[in-house]
């Protein structure tokens, strides 16, 4: 079984396929990549970090106030 030779690159001044076309061909060949995945999990992790940090800061302030009141 023989394969077709590589296509001729064309004339030196000739433009090749666009970046969008190359990206589409890569996605068709390899499937979706990490850039195409939803970002919901990352948003949930960041939100949880912010909430837990805020709660910890609140407990620290409350503990300082209770210690100073003694």
Protein backbone atom coordinates (compact mmCIF):
# COMPACT_ATOMS: atom_id res chain seq x y z
CA UNK A 1 0.00 0.00 0.00
CA UNK A 2 1.41 3.37 -0.97
CA UNK A 3 0.60 6.77 0.44
CA UNK A 4 0.02 9.91 -1.49
CA UNK A 5 3.00 12.25 -1.59
CA UNK A 6 2.85 15.36 0.55
CA UNK A 7 0.97 18.20 -1.12
CA UNK A 8 3.05 20.81 -2.86
CA UNK A 9 3.58 23.80 -0.55
CA UNK A 10 2.62 26.13 -3.40
CA UNK A 11 4.24 29.31 -4.54
CA UNK A 12 6.39 31.24 -2.05
CA UNK A 13 3.95 34.16 -1.81
CA UNK A 14 0.84 31.97 -1.57
CA UNK A 15 -1.01 31.98 1.76
CA UNK A 16 -1.77 28.65 3.44
CA UNK A 17 -4.87 27.68 5.39
CA UNK A 18 -6.05 30.06 8.11
CA UNK A 19 -5.39 29.46 11.80
CA UNK A 20 -9.08 28.69 12.33
CA UNK A 21 -9.00 26.05 9.60
CA UNK A 22 -5.89 24.42 11.09
CA UNK A 23 -7.50 24.43 14.57
CA UNK A 24 -10.66 22.82 13.17
CA UNK A 25 -8.63 20.13 11.43
CA UNK A 26 -6.70 19.38 14.64
CA UNK A 27 -9.94 19.18 16.67
CA UNK A 28 -11.48 16.86 14.08
CA UNK A 29 -8.41 14.61 14.19
CA UNK A 30 -7.59 14.59 17.92
CA UNK A 31 -10.91 15.48 19.53
CA UNK A 32 -11.54 18.32 21.96
CA UNK A 33 -8.60 19.56 23.99
CA UNK A 34 -8.32 21.02 27.45
CA UNK A 35 -9.14 24.49 26.10
CA UNK A 36 -12.53 23.26 24.92
CA UNK A 37 -13.55 21.86 28.32
CA UNK A 38 -16.04 23.72 30.52
CA UNK A 39 -14.52 25.85 33.25
CA UNK A 40 -17.17 25.05 35.88
CA UNK A 41 -14.88 22.99 38.08
CA UNK A 42 -12.21 25.69 38.19
CA UNK A 43 -14.84 28.30 39.09
CA UNK A 44 -16.19 26.05 41.88
CA UNK A 45 -12.69 25.55 43.32
CA UNK A 46 -11.95 29.28 43.30
CA UNK A 47 -15.34 30.09 44.86
CA UNK A 48 -14.84 27.48 47.60
CA UNK A 49 -11.39 28.90 48.36
CA UNK A 50 -12.80 32.42 48.66
CA UNK A 51 -15.66 31.31 50.93
CA UNK A 52 -13.43 29.25 53.21
CA UNK A 53 -10.84 32.04 53.42
CA UNK A 54 -13.54 34.56 54.36
CA UNK A 55 -14.97 32.24 57.04
CA UNK A 56 -11.49 31.60 58.49
CA UNK A 57 -10.78 35.34 58.59
CA UNK A 58 -14.10 35.90 60.38
CA UNK A 59 -13.25 33.27 63.00
CA UNK A 60 -9.81 34.81 63.51
CA UNK A 61 -11.29 38.28 64.06
CA UNK A 62 -13.91 36.87 66.45
CA UNK A 63 -11.23 35.01 68.43
CA UNK A 64 -9.15 38.18 68.72
CA UNK A 65 -12.12 40.19 69.93
CA UNK A 66 -13.07 37.53 72.49
CA UNK A 67 -9.46 37.33 73.72
CA UNK A 68 -9.21 41.11 74.08
CA UNK A 69 -12.51 41.27 75.99
CA UNK A 70 -11.19 39.02 78.77
